Amino acid sequence: MHALKRILRYVQGTLHFGLHLYPSSTTSLISYTNVDWGDCPDTRKSTSGYCVFLGDNLLSWSSKCQPTLSRSSVEAEYQGVANVVSESCWLRNLLLKLHCPVHTTTLVYCDNVSAIYLAGNPVQHQRTKHIKMDIHFVGEKVSRGQVRILHVPSRYQIADIFTKGLPLVLFQDFRDNLSVRQPPASTVGV
């Protein structure tokens, strides 16, 4: 109940904030993904979060509980990578149909080194067979050059805002990076 009150207080104090979009000459897709492994105290399910930028503009985002339990942080993170790769593929196809094709490789930033290694080396091991479909899906996109999975230090992992509580300064920095801001000062009547 305390957390709900805190959230409602935050929402009431930020009703005037909105997502700002800007003209951008860059037409590349850049994604950030992160997972808070086993963070639900009742179910031990993980929370996945991602955001996808088209150039400098936030285009898509998600924060949700993963549908299944993950036996390791690598498994949880890799499911998060697979989710954002799937979303990025869908966005690439949508942009193609809108006659705005993306000609560059989609960059996916993840802070889990093991998940990044697994994406680049989809060797089947006994310990990873339970995430086999995700490995094949992401591995195919990587081998075709459509997606590249890169490391981002946690300090710059914007998707953290979708998965966990953050210190105020870091939260505000990530919120600004998502272009969620107050409207510009009005010049009406001046």
N, C-alpha and C. Protein backbone atom coordinates (compact mmCIF):
# COMPACT_ATOMS: atom_id res chain seq x y z
N MET A 1 0.82 -1.19 0.00
CA MET A 1 0.00 0.00 0.00
C MET A 1 0.87 1.26 0.00
N HIS A 2 2.00 1.16 0.73
CA HIS A 2 2.92 2.30 0.77
C HIS A 2 3.49 2.59 -0.63
N ALA A 3 3.85 1.54 -1.35
CA ALA A 3 4.40 1.72 -2.71
C ALA A 3 3.36 2.33 -3.64
N LEU A 4 2.11 1.89 -3.52
CA LEU A 4 1.04 2.44 -4.36
C LEU A 4 0.85 3.92 -4.08
N LYS A 5 0.86 4.32 -2.83
CA LYS A 5 0.73 5.74 -2.48
C LYS A 5 1.88 6.56 -3.05
N ARG A 6 3.08 6.00 -2.97
CA ARG A 6 4.25 6.70 -3.51
C ARG A 6 4.13 6.87 -5.02
N ILE A 7 3.67 5.84 -5.72
CA ILE A 7 3.49 5.91 -7.17
C ILE A 7 2.43 6.95 -7.53
N LEU A 8 1.31 6.92 -6.85
CA LEU A 8 0.24 7.89 -7.12
C LEU A 8 0.70 9.32 -6.86
N ARG A 9 1.48 9.53 -5.81
CA ARG A 9 2.02 10.86 -5.51
C ARG A 9 2.93 11.32 -6.65
N TYR A 10 3.76 10.41 -7.15
CA TYR A 10 4.65 10.75 -8.27
C TYR A 10 3.84 11.11 -9.52
N VAL A 11 2.85 10.29 -9.85
CA VAL A 11 2.03 10.54 -11.04
C VAL A 11 1.31 11.88 -10.94
N GLN A 12 0.74 12.17 -9.78
CA GLN A 12 0.05 13.45 -9.59
C GLN A 12 1.01 14.63 -9.77
N GLY A 13 2.24 14.47 -9.35
CA GLY A 13 3.23 15.54 -9.46
C GLY A 13 3.84 15.69 -10.84
N THR A 14 3.56 14.75 -11.74
CA THR A 14 4.19 14.80 -13.08
C THR A 14 3.16 14.72 -14.20
N LEU A 15 1.92 15.08 -13.92
CA LEU A 15 0.88 15.01 -14.96
C LEU A 15 1.20 15.88 -16.16
N HIS A 16 1.98 16.92 -15.97
CA HIS A 16 2.32 17.83 -17.06
C HIS A 16 3.50 17.34 -17.90
N PHE A 17 4.12 16.22 -17.52
CA PHE A 17 5.22 15.67 -18.31
C PHE A 17 4.66 14.95 -19.53
N GLY A 18 5.44 14.88 -20.59
CA GLY A 18 5.03 14.17 -21.79
C GLY A 18 6.23 13.71 -22.59
N LEU A 19 5.96 12.87 -23.56
CA LEU A 19 7.01 12.37 -24.45
C LEU A 19 7.21 13.38 -25.57
N HIS A 20 8.42 13.86 -25.72
CA HIS A 20 8.74 14.85 -26.74
C HIS A 20 9.46 14.17 -27.90
N LEU A 21 9.04 14.48 -29.11
CA LEU A 21 9.68 13.95 -30.32
C LEU A 21 10.32 15.11 -31.07
N TYR A 22 11.46 14.84 -31.67
CA TYR A 22 12.22 15.88 -32.35
C TYR A 22 12.60 15.42 -33.75
N PRO A 23 12.75 16.36 -34.67
CA PRO A 23 13.26 15.97 -35.99
C PRO A 23 14.65 15.35 -35.84
N SER A 24 14.88 14.27 -36.56
CA SER A 24 16.17 13.58 -36.45
C SER A 24 16.59 13.09 -37.82
N SER A 25 17.84 13.33 -38.15
CA SER A 25 18.35 12.85 -39.43
C SER A 25 18.80 11.39 -39.34
N THR A 26 18.93 10.88 -38.12
CA THR A 26 19.35 9.49 -37.91
C THR A 26 18.16 8.56 -38.03
N THR A 27 18.31 7.50 -38.80
CA THR A 27 17.22 6.54 -38.97
C THR A 27 17.61 5.14 -38.51
N SER A 28 18.46 5.07 -37.49
CA SER A 28 18.86 3.77 -36.98
C SER A 28 18.01 3.41 -35.76
N LEU A 29 17.85 2.11 -35.53
CA LEU A 29 17.15 1.63 -34.34
C LEU A 29 18.19 1.25 -33.29
N ILE A 30 18.02 1.78 -32.10
CA ILE A 30 18.90 1.48 -30.98
C ILE A 30 18.03 1.07 -29.81
N SER A 31 18.36 -0.08 -29.20
CA SER A 31 17.54 -0.63 -28.13
C SER A 31 18.36 -0.84 -26.87
N TYR A 32 17.69 -0.74 -25.75
CA TYR A 32 18.27 -1.06 -24.44
C TYR A 32 17.35 -2.06 -23.78
N THR A 33 17.93 -3.08 -23.17
CA THR A 33 17.12 -4.08 -22.47
C THR A 33 17.77 -4.44 -21.14
N ASN A 34 16.93 -4.65 -20.16
CA ASN A 34 17.43 -5.08 -18.86
C ASN A 34 16.37 -5.89 -18.14
N VAL A 35 16.81 -6.71 -17.21
CA VAL A 35 15.91 -7.58 -16.44
C VAL A 35 16.33 -7.52 -14.98
N ASP A 36 15.34 -7.44 -14.10
CA ASP A 36 15.59 -7.58 -12.68
C ASP A 36 15.22 -9.02 -12.34
N TRP A 37 16.24 -9.87 -12.21
CA TRP A 37 16.05 -11.31 -12.09
C TRP A 37 15.40 -11.69 -10.77
N GLY A 38 14.29 -12.42 -10.85
CA GLY A 38 13.63 -12.98 -9.68
C GLY A 38 13.21 -11.96 -8.65
N ASP A 39 12.84 -10.76 -9.07
CA ASP A 39 12.59 -9.68 -8.12
C ASP A 39 11.23 -9.75 -7.43
N CYS A 40 10.29 -10.51 -7.95
CA CYS A 40 8.97 -10.61 -7.32
C CYS A 40 9.09 -11.50 -6.08
N PRO A 41 8.83 -10.97 -4.89
CA PRO A 41 9.00 -11.77 -3.69
C PRO A 41 8.02 -12.94 -3.58
N ASP A 42 6.88 -12.85 -4.25
CA ASP A 42 5.87 -13.91 -4.17
C ASP A 42 6.11 -15.03 -5.17
N THR A 43 6.39 -14.67 -6.44
CA THR A 43 6.50 -15.68 -7.50
C THR A 43 7.94 -15.92 -7.94
N ARG A 44 8.85 -15.04 -7.58
CA ARG A 44 10.27 -15.07 -8.00
C ARG A 44 10.41 -14.91 -9.51
N LYS A 45 9.39 -14.39 -10.18
CA LYS A 45 9.50 -14.10 -11.61
C LYS A 45 10.29 -12.81 -11.80
N SER A 46 10.87 -12.67 -12.97
CA SER A 46 11.70 -11.51 -13.28
C SER A 46 10.89 -10.44 -14.00
N THR A 47 11.35 -9.21 -13.88
CA THR A 47 10.74 -8.09 -14.60
C THR A 47 11.65 -7.70 -15.75
N SER A 48 11.09 -7.71 -16.97
CA SER A 48 11.83 -7.30 -18.17
C SER A 48 11.45 -5.89 -18.55
N GLY A 49 12.42 -5.16 -19.05
CA GLY A 49 12.14 -3.83 -19.56
C GLY A 49 13.01 -3.54 -20.76
N TYR A 50 12.45 -2.78 -21.70
CA TYR A 50 13.25 -2.35 -22.84
C TYR A 50 12.72 -1.03 -23.36
N CYS A 51 13.57 -0.37 -24.14
CA CYS A 51 13.16 0.82 -24.88
C CYS A 51 13.87 0.80 -26.22
N VAL A 52 13.18 1.28 -27.24
CA VAL A 52 13.71 1.29 -28.60
C VAL A 52 13.64 2.72 -29.12
N PHE A 53 14.75 3.21 -29.62
CA PHE A 53 14.84 4.55 -30.18
C PHE A 53 14.96 4.47 -31.69
N LEU A 54 14.28 5.36 -32.39
CA LEU A 54 14.50 5.59 -33.81
C LEU A 54 15.23 6.92 -33.88
N GLY A 55 16.51 6.86 -34.16
CA GLY A 55 17.32 8.07 -34.06
C GLY A 55 17.35 8.52 -32.61
N ASP A 56 16.96 9.77 -32.38
CA ASP A 56 16.97 10.33 -31.03
C ASP A 56 15.63 10.20 -30.32
N ASN A 57 14.65 9.61 -30.99
CA ASN A 57 13.29 9.58 -30.45
C ASN A 57 12.90 8.21 -29.93
N LEU A 58 12.31 8.21 -28.72
CA LEU A 58 11.79 6.98 -28.14
C LEU A 58 10.60 6.53 -28.97
N LEU A 59 10.66 5.30 -29.46
CA LEU A 59 9.63 4.78 -30.35
C LEU A 59 8.77 3.72 -29.68
N SER A 60 9.38 2.91 -28.81
CA SER A 60 8.66 1.81 -28.19
C SER A 60 9.31 1.49 -26.85
N TRP A 61 8.50 1.03 -25.89
CA TRP A 61 9.03 0.66 -24.59
C TRP A 61 8.10 -0.35 -23.95
N SER A 62 8.65 -1.08 -22.99
CA SER A 62 7.85 -2.10 -22.31
C SER A 62 8.45 -2.36 -20.93
N SER A 63 7.59 -2.70 -20.00
CA SER A 63 7.98 -3.15 -18.69
C SER A 63 6.95 -4.16 -18.24
N LYS A 64 7.38 -5.42 -18.06
CA LYS A 64 6.41 -6.42 -17.64
C LYS A 64 7.10 -7.60 -16.97
N CYS A 65 6.29 -8.32 -16.21
CA CYS A 65 6.76 -9.53 -15.55
C CYS A 65 6.91 -10.63 -16.60
N GLN A 66 8.03 -11.35 -16.56
CA GLN A 66 8.22 -12.46 -17.49
C GLN A 66 7.21 -13.56 -17.16
N PRO A 67 6.70 -14.25 -18.18
CA PRO A 67 5.65 -15.25 -17.94
C PRO A 67 6.14 -16.52 -17.23
N THR A 68 7.42 -16.79 -17.29
CA THR A 68 7.94 -18.02 -16.67
C THR A 68 9.09 -17.69 -15.73
N LEU A 69 9.37 -18.62 -14.84
CA LEU A 69 10.51 -18.47 -13.94
C LEU A 69 11.81 -18.71 -14.71
N SER A 70 12.82 -17.96 -14.36
CA SER A 70 14.14 -18.16 -14.96
C SER A 70 15.05 -18.78 -13.91
N ARG A 71 15.80 -19.79 -14.34
CA ARG A 71 16.68 -20.48 -13.40
C ARG A 71 18.01 -19.78 -13.22
N SER A 72 18.29 -18.78 -14.04
CA SER A 72 19.54 -18.04 -13.91
C SER A 72 19.33 -16.62 -14.42
N SER A 73 20.23 -15.73 -14.02
CA SER A 73 20.14 -14.35 -14.50
C SER A 73 20.40 -14.30 -16.01
N VAL A 74 21.25 -15.19 -16.52
CA VAL A 74 21.52 -15.23 -17.96
C VAL A 74 20.25 -15.59 -18.73
N GLU A 75 19.51 -16.58 -18.23
CA GLU A 75 18.27 -16.96 -18.89
C GLU A 75 17.28 -15.80 -18.90
N ALA A 76 17.13 -15.12 -17.77
CA ALA A 76 16.21 -13.99 -17.68
C ALA A 76 16.64 -12.86 -18.62
N GLU A 77 17.93 -12.55 -18.61
CA GLU A 77 18.44 -11.48 -19.48
C GLU A 77 18.29 -11.84 -20.95
N TYR A 78 18.53 -13.12 -21.27
CA TYR A 78 18.42 -13.54 -22.67
C TYR A 78 16.98 -13.48 -23.16
N GLN A 79 16.03 -13.79 -22.28
CA GLN A 79 14.62 -13.63 -22.65
C GLN A 79 14.32 -12.16 -22.91
N GLY A 80 14.92 -11.27 -22.11
CA GLY A 80 14.77 -9.83 -22.34
C GLY A 80 15.35 -9.41 -23.68
N VAL A 81 16.52 -9.96 -24.02
CA VAL A 81 17.14 -9.67 -25.32
C VAL A 81 16.23 -10.16 -26.45
N ALA A 82 15.71 -11.37 -26.31
CA ALA A 82 14.83 -11.92 -27.35
C ALA A 82 13.57 -11.05 -27.52
N ASN A 83 13.03 -10.55 -26.42
CA ASN A 83 11.86 -9.68 -26.51
C ASN A 83 12.15 -8.40 -27.28
N VAL A 84 13.26 -7.75 -26.98
CA VAL A 84 13.56 -6.49 -27.67
C VAL A 84 13.98 -6.73 -29.12
N VAL A 85 14.62 -7.86 -29.40
CA VAL A 85 14.95 -8.19 -30.79
C VAL A 85 13.67 -8.42 -31.59
N SER A 86 12.72 -9.11 -30.99
CA SER A 86 11.42 -9.33 -31.64
C SER A 86 10.72 -8.00 -31.92
N GLU A 87 10.70 -7.13 -30.94
CA GLU A 87 10.08 -5.80 -31.12
C GLU A 87 10.80 -5.01 -32.20
N SER A 88 12.12 -5.07 -32.21
CA SER A 88 12.90 -4.34 -33.21
C SER A 88 12.62 -4.85 -34.62
N CYS A 89 12.49 -6.17 -34.77
CA CYS A 89 12.15 -6.75 -36.08
C CYS A 89 10.77 -6.27 -36.53
N TRP A 90 9.82 -6.25 -35.62
CA TRP A 90 8.48 -5.78 -35.94
C TRP A 90 8.52 -4.31 -36.37
N LEU A 91 9.29 -3.49 -35.66
CA LEU A 91 9.40 -2.07 -36.01
C LEU A 91 10.09 -1.88 -37.36
N ARG A 92 11.12 -2.68 -37.64
CA ARG A 92 11.80 -2.59 -38.94
C ARG A 92 10.81 -2.88 -40.06
N ASN A 93 9.98 -3.93 -39.89
CA ASN A 93 8.98 -4.27 -40.91
C ASN A 93 7.93 -3.17 -41.05
N LEU A 94 7.50 -2.60 -39.94
CA LEU A 94 6.53 -1.50 -39.99
C LEU A 94 7.11 -0.31 -40.73
N LEU A 95 8.34 0.06 -40.41
CA LEU A 95 8.98 1.19 -41.08
C LEU A 95 9.17 0.92 -42.58
N LEU A 96 9.45 -0.32 -42.94
CA LEU A 96 9.57 -0.69 -44.35
C LEU A 96 8.24 -0.48 -45.07
N LYS A 97 7.15 -0.90 -44.43
CA LYS A 97 5.82 -0.73 -45.04
C LYS A 97 5.43 0.74 -45.13
N LEU A 98 5.99 1.57 -44.25
CA LEU A 98 5.74 3.02 -44.29
C LEU A 98 6.72 3.75 -45.20
N HIS A 99 7.49 2.98 -45.98
CA HIS A 99 8.48 3.51 -46.92
C HIS A 99 9.59 4.30 -46.23
N CYS A 100 9.96 3.85 -45.05
CA CYS A 100 11.08 4.42 -44.29
C CYS A 100 11.98 3.29 -43.82
N PRO A 101 12.58 2.55 -44.75
CA PRO A 101 13.35 1.37 -44.35
C PRO A 101 14.57 1.75 -43.50
N VAL A 102 14.91 0.85 -42.58
CA VAL A 102 16.10 1.00 -41.76
C VAL A 102 17.20 0.19 -42.44
N HIS A 103 18.26 0.87 -42.86
CA HIS A 103 19.32 0.20 -43.61
C HIS A 103 20.50 -0.23 -42.74
N THR A 104 20.50 0.18 -41.48
CA THR A 104 21.62 -0.15 -40.60
C THR A 104 21.22 -1.28 -39.64
N THR A 105 22.21 -1.90 -39.07
CA THR A 105 22.00 -2.95 -38.08
C THR A 105 21.39 -2.36 -36.82
N THR A 106 20.41 -3.03 -36.26
CA THR A 106 19.83 -2.59 -34.99
C THR A 106 20.81 -2.92 -33.87
N LEU A 107 21.13 -1.94 -33.05
CA LEU A 107 22.02 -2.15 -31.92
C LEU A 107 21.17 -2.41 -30.68
N VAL A 108 21.51 -3.46 -29.96
CA VAL A 108 20.81 -3.82 -28.72
C VAL A 108 21.84 -3.77 -27.59
N TYR A 109 21.59 -2.90 -26.62
CA TYR A 109 22.50 -2.77 -25.49
C TYR A 109 21.96 -3.52 -24.28
N CYS A 110 22.83 -4.37 -23.73
CA CYS A 110 22.49 -5.23 -22.60
C CYS A 110 23.66 -5.17 -21.62
N ASP A 111 23.39 -5.22 -20.32
CA ASP A 111 24.48 -5.14 -19.35
C ASP A 111 24.93 -6.50 -18.81
N ASN A 112 24.41 -7.58 -19.38
CA ASN A 112 24.79 -8.92 -18.93
C ASN A 112 25.74 -9.54 -19.96
N VAL A 113 27.00 -9.63 -19.58
CA VAL A 113 28.05 -10.10 -20.50
C VAL A 113 27.79 -11.53 -20.98
N SER A 114 27.27 -12.39 -20.11
CA SER A 114 27.01 -13.79 -20.50
C SER A 114 25.91 -13.87 -21.55
N ALA A 115 24.88 -13.05 -21.42
CA ALA A 115 23.81 -13.03 -22.42
C ALA A 115 24.33 -12.53 -23.76
N ILE A 116 25.22 -11.55 -23.73
CA ILE A 116 25.82 -11.03 -24.97
C ILE A 116 26.68 -12.11 -25.63
N TYR A 117 27.46 -12.81 -24.82
CA TYR A 117 28.30 -13.90 -25.34
C TYR A 117 27.43 -14.99 -25.98
N LEU A 118 26.35 -15.32 -25.32
CA LEU A 118 25.44 -16.35 -25.83
C LEU A 118 24.82 -15.93 -27.17
N ALA A 119 24.52 -14.65 -27.31
CA ALA A 119 23.94 -14.15 -28.56
C ALA A 119 24.93 -14.26 -29.73
N GLY A 120 26.21 -14.06 -29.44
CA GLY A 120 27.21 -14.13 -30.49
C GLY A 120 27.74 -15.53 -30.74
N ASN A 121 27.55 -16.44 -29.80
CA ASN A 121 28.05 -17.81 -29.89
C ASN A 121 26.95 -18.77 -29.48
N PRO A 122 25.96 -18.96 -30.32
CA PRO A 122 24.79 -19.76 -29.92
C PRO A 122 25.05 -21.27 -29.90
N VAL A 123 26.11 -21.66 -29.22
CA VAL A 123 26.44 -23.06 -29.09
C VAL A 123 25.47 -23.66 -28.08
N GLN A 124 24.90 -24.80 -28.42
CA GLN A 124 23.95 -25.44 -27.52
C GLN A 124 24.69 -26.18 -26.42
N HIS A 125 24.41 -25.81 -25.21
CA HIS A 125 24.96 -26.49 -24.05
C HIS A 125 23.80 -27.07 -23.26
N GLN A 126 24.08 -28.05 -22.45
CA GLN A 126 23.05 -28.64 -21.59
C GLN A 126 22.42 -27.58 -20.70
N ARG A 127 23.22 -26.61 -20.28
CA ARG A 127 22.72 -25.60 -19.35
C ARG A 127 21.84 -24.55 -20.04
N THR A 128 21.81 -24.51 -21.36
CA THR A 128 21.01 -23.49 -22.05
C THR A 128 19.88 -24.08 -22.90
N LYS A 129 19.66 -25.39 -22.82
CA LYS A 129 18.65 -25.98 -23.70
C LYS A 129 17.24 -25.49 -23.39
N HIS A 130 16.99 -25.03 -22.17
CA HIS A 130 15.66 -24.54 -21.82
C HIS A 130 15.34 -23.18 -22.45
N ILE A 131 16.34 -22.52 -23.03
CA ILE A 131 16.08 -21.26 -23.74
C ILE A 131 16.44 -21.38 -25.22
N LYS A 132 16.35 -22.59 -25.71
CA LYS A 132 16.77 -22.94 -27.07
C LYS A 132 16.10 -22.08 -28.15
N MET A 133 14.77 -21.87 -28.06
CA MET A 133 14.06 -21.10 -29.10
C MET A 133 14.57 -19.67 -29.16
N ASP A 134 14.76 -19.05 -27.99
CA ASP A 134 15.27 -17.68 -27.97
C ASP A 134 16.68 -17.62 -28.55
N ILE A 135 17.49 -18.63 -28.26
CA ILE A 135 18.86 -18.65 -28.78
C ILE A 135 18.85 -18.73 -30.30
N HIS A 136 18.02 -19.59 -30.85
CA HIS A 136 17.94 -19.70 -32.31
C HIS A 136 17.41 -18.42 -32.95
N PHE A 137 16.37 -17.84 -32.35
CA PHE A 137 15.77 -16.63 -32.89
C PHE A 137 16.77 -15.47 -32.92
N VAL A 138 17.39 -15.19 -31.78
CA VAL A 138 18.35 -14.09 -31.72
C VAL A 138 19.58 -14.40 -32.55
N GLY A 139 20.08 -15.64 -32.47
CA GLY A 139 21.27 -16.04 -33.24
C GLY A 139 21.07 -15.85 -34.73
N GLU A 140 19.86 -16.15 -35.23
CA GLU A 140 19.57 -15.96 -36.65
C GLU A 140 19.64 -14.48 -37.03
N LYS A 141 19.09 -13.62 -36.21
CA LYS A 141 19.11 -12.17 -36.49
C LYS A 141 20.53 -11.62 -36.43
N VAL A 142 21.33 -12.13 -35.49
CA VAL A 142 22.72 -11.69 -35.38
C VAL A 142 23.51 -12.16 -36.60
N SER A 143 23.34 -13.43 -37.00
CA SER A 143 24.11 -13.96 -38.13
C SER A 143 23.74 -13.29 -39.44
N ARG A 144 22.50 -12.82 -39.57
CA ARG A 144 22.08 -12.09 -40.78
C ARG A 144 22.53 -10.64 -40.78
N GLY A 145 23.10 -10.19 -39.67
CA GLY A 145 23.55 -8.81 -39.58
C GLY A 145 22.42 -7.81 -39.30
N GLN A 146 21.25 -8.30 -38.93
CA GLN A 146 20.13 -7.41 -38.64
C GLN A 146 20.23 -6.82 -37.25
N VAL A 147 20.88 -7.55 -36.34
CA VAL A 147 20.97 -7.14 -34.94
C VAL A 147 22.39 -7.34 -34.46
N ARG A 148 22.84 -6.44 -33.61
CA ARG A 148 24.13 -6.58 -32.96
C ARG A 148 23.93 -6.33 -31.47
N ILE A 149 24.33 -7.28 -30.64
CA ILE A 149 24.16 -7.18 -29.19
C ILE A 149 25.46 -6.65 -28.60
N LEU A 150 25.37 -5.55 -27.87
CA LEU A 150 26.55 -4.88 -27.31
C LEU A 150 26.40 -4.69 -25.81
N HIS A 151 27.52 -4.56 -25.13
CA HIS A 151 27.50 -4.33 -23.68
C HIS A 151 27.35 -2.84 -23.39
N VAL A 152 26.58 -2.54 -22.37
CA VAL A 152 26.47 -1.19 -21.85
C VAL A 152 26.66 -1.29 -20.33
N PRO A 153 27.53 -0.46 -19.77
CA PRO A 153 27.68 -0.48 -18.31
C PRO A 153 26.35 -0.11 -17.63
N SER A 154 26.11 -0.65 -16.46
CA SER A 154 24.84 -0.42 -15.76
C SER A 154 24.55 1.06 -15.56
N ARG A 155 25.56 1.87 -15.40
CA ARG A 155 25.35 3.32 -15.20
C ARG A 155 24.64 3.96 -16.40
N TYR A 156 24.78 3.37 -17.58
CA TYR A 156 24.17 3.93 -18.80
C TYR A 156 23.04 3.05 -19.33
N GLN A 157 22.57 2.11 -18.51
CA GLN A 157 21.52 1.19 -18.93
C GLN A 157 20.14 1.84 -18.72
N ILE A 158 19.69 2.58 -19.73
CA ILE A 158 18.44 3.33 -19.65
C ILE A 158 17.26 2.43 -19.29
N ALA A 159 17.28 1.19 -19.73
CA ALA A 159 16.15 0.28 -19.47
C ALA A 159 15.98 -0.04 -17.99
N ASP A 160 16.96 0.30 -17.15
CA ASP A 160 16.81 0.11 -15.71
C ASP A 160 15.58 0.83 -15.16
N ILE A 161 15.20 1.93 -15.79
CA ILE A 161 14.05 2.69 -15.32
C ILE A 161 12.76 1.88 -15.40
N PHE A 162 12.74 0.85 -16.26
CA PHE A 162 11.56 0.01 -16.42
C PHE A 162 11.56 -1.23 -15.53
N THR A 163 12.66 -1.48 -14.82
CA THR A 163 12.75 -2.74 -14.08
C THR A 163 12.98 -2.62 -12.58
N LYS A 164 13.43 -1.48 -12.11
CA LYS A 164 13.76 -1.40 -10.69
C LYS A 164 13.71 0.04 -10.19
N GLY A 165 13.67 0.17 -8.88
CA GLY A 165 13.75 1.48 -8.26
C GLY A 165 15.17 2.01 -8.40
N LEU A 166 15.30 3.30 -8.66
CA LEU A 166 16.61 3.91 -8.88
C LEU A 166 16.79 5.10 -7.95
N PRO A 167 18.04 5.47 -7.67
CA PRO A 167 18.27 6.73 -6.95
C PRO A 167 17.69 7.89 -7.78
N LEU A 168 17.20 8.91 -7.11
CA LEU A 168 16.49 10.01 -7.76
C LEU A 168 17.28 10.62 -8.92
N VAL A 169 18.55 10.91 -8.72
CA VAL A 169 19.34 11.56 -9.76
C VAL A 169 19.44 10.67 -11.01
N LEU A 170 19.68 9.37 -10.81
CA LEU A 170 19.77 8.45 -11.94
C LEU A 170 18.41 8.31 -12.62
N PHE A 171 17.33 8.23 -11.85
CA PHE A 171 15.98 8.16 -12.41
C PHE A 171 15.70 9.38 -13.28
N GLN A 172 16.00 10.57 -12.78
CA GLN A 172 15.75 11.79 -13.55
C GLN A 172 16.62 11.84 -14.81
N ASP A 173 17.84 11.38 -14.72
CA ASP A 173 18.73 11.33 -15.88
C ASP A 173 18.17 10.40 -16.95
N PHE A 174 17.76 9.19 -16.55
CA PHE A 174 17.19 8.23 -17.50
C PHE A 174 15.87 8.76 -18.08
N ARG A 175 15.03 9.38 -17.25
CA ARG A 175 13.77 9.94 -17.74
C ARG A 175 14.04 11.00 -18.80
N ASP A 176 15.04 11.85 -18.57
CA ASP A 176 15.42 12.85 -19.57
C ASP A 176 15.92 12.19 -20.85
N ASN A 177 16.70 11.11 -20.72
CA ASN A 177 17.20 10.39 -21.90
C ASN A 177 16.08 9.78 -22.72
N LEU A 178 14.95 9.50 -22.08
CA LEU A 178 13.78 8.96 -22.79
C LEU A 178 12.95 10.08 -23.42
N SER A 179 13.37 11.33 -23.24
CA SER A 179 12.65 12.51 -23.74
C SER A 179 11.28 12.68 -23.08
N VAL A 180 11.17 12.24 -21.85
CA VAL A 180 9.96 12.49 -21.06
C VAL A 180 10.26 13.73 -20.24
N ARG A 181 9.62 14.84 -20.63
CA ARG A 181 9.95 16.13 -20.05
C ARG A 181 8.71 16.98 -19.86
N GLN A 182 8.92 18.08 -19.15
CA GLN A 182 7.88 19.10 -19.06
C GLN A 182 7.81 19.80 -20.40
N PRO A 183 6.62 20.35 -20.72
CA PRO A 183 6.53 21.07 -22.01
C PRO A 183 7.41 22.31 -21.96
N PRO A 184 7.86 22.78 -23.13
CA PRO A 184 8.67 24.00 -23.17
C PRO A 184 7.84 25.17 -22.64
N ALA A 185 8.54 26.15 -22.13
CA ALA A 185 7.86 27.34 -21.59
C ALA A 185 7.00 27.97 -22.68
N SER A 186 5.80 28.34 -22.30
CA SER A 186 4.87 28.96 -23.26
C SER A 186 5.24 30.41 -23.51
N THR A 187 5.18 30.81 -24.76
CA THR A 187 5.45 32.20 -25.12
C THR A 187 4.18 32.92 -25.52
N VAL A 188 3.03 32.30 -25.27
CA VAL A 188 1.75 32.90 -25.60
C VAL A 188 1.55 34.16 -24.77
N GLY A 189 1.18 35.25 -25.43
CA GLY A 189 0.91 36.50 -24.74
C GLY A 189 2.14 37.30 -24.40
N VAL A 190 3.33 36.86 -24.80
CA VAL A 190 4.54 37.58 -24.49
C VAL A 190 4.87 38.53 -25.61
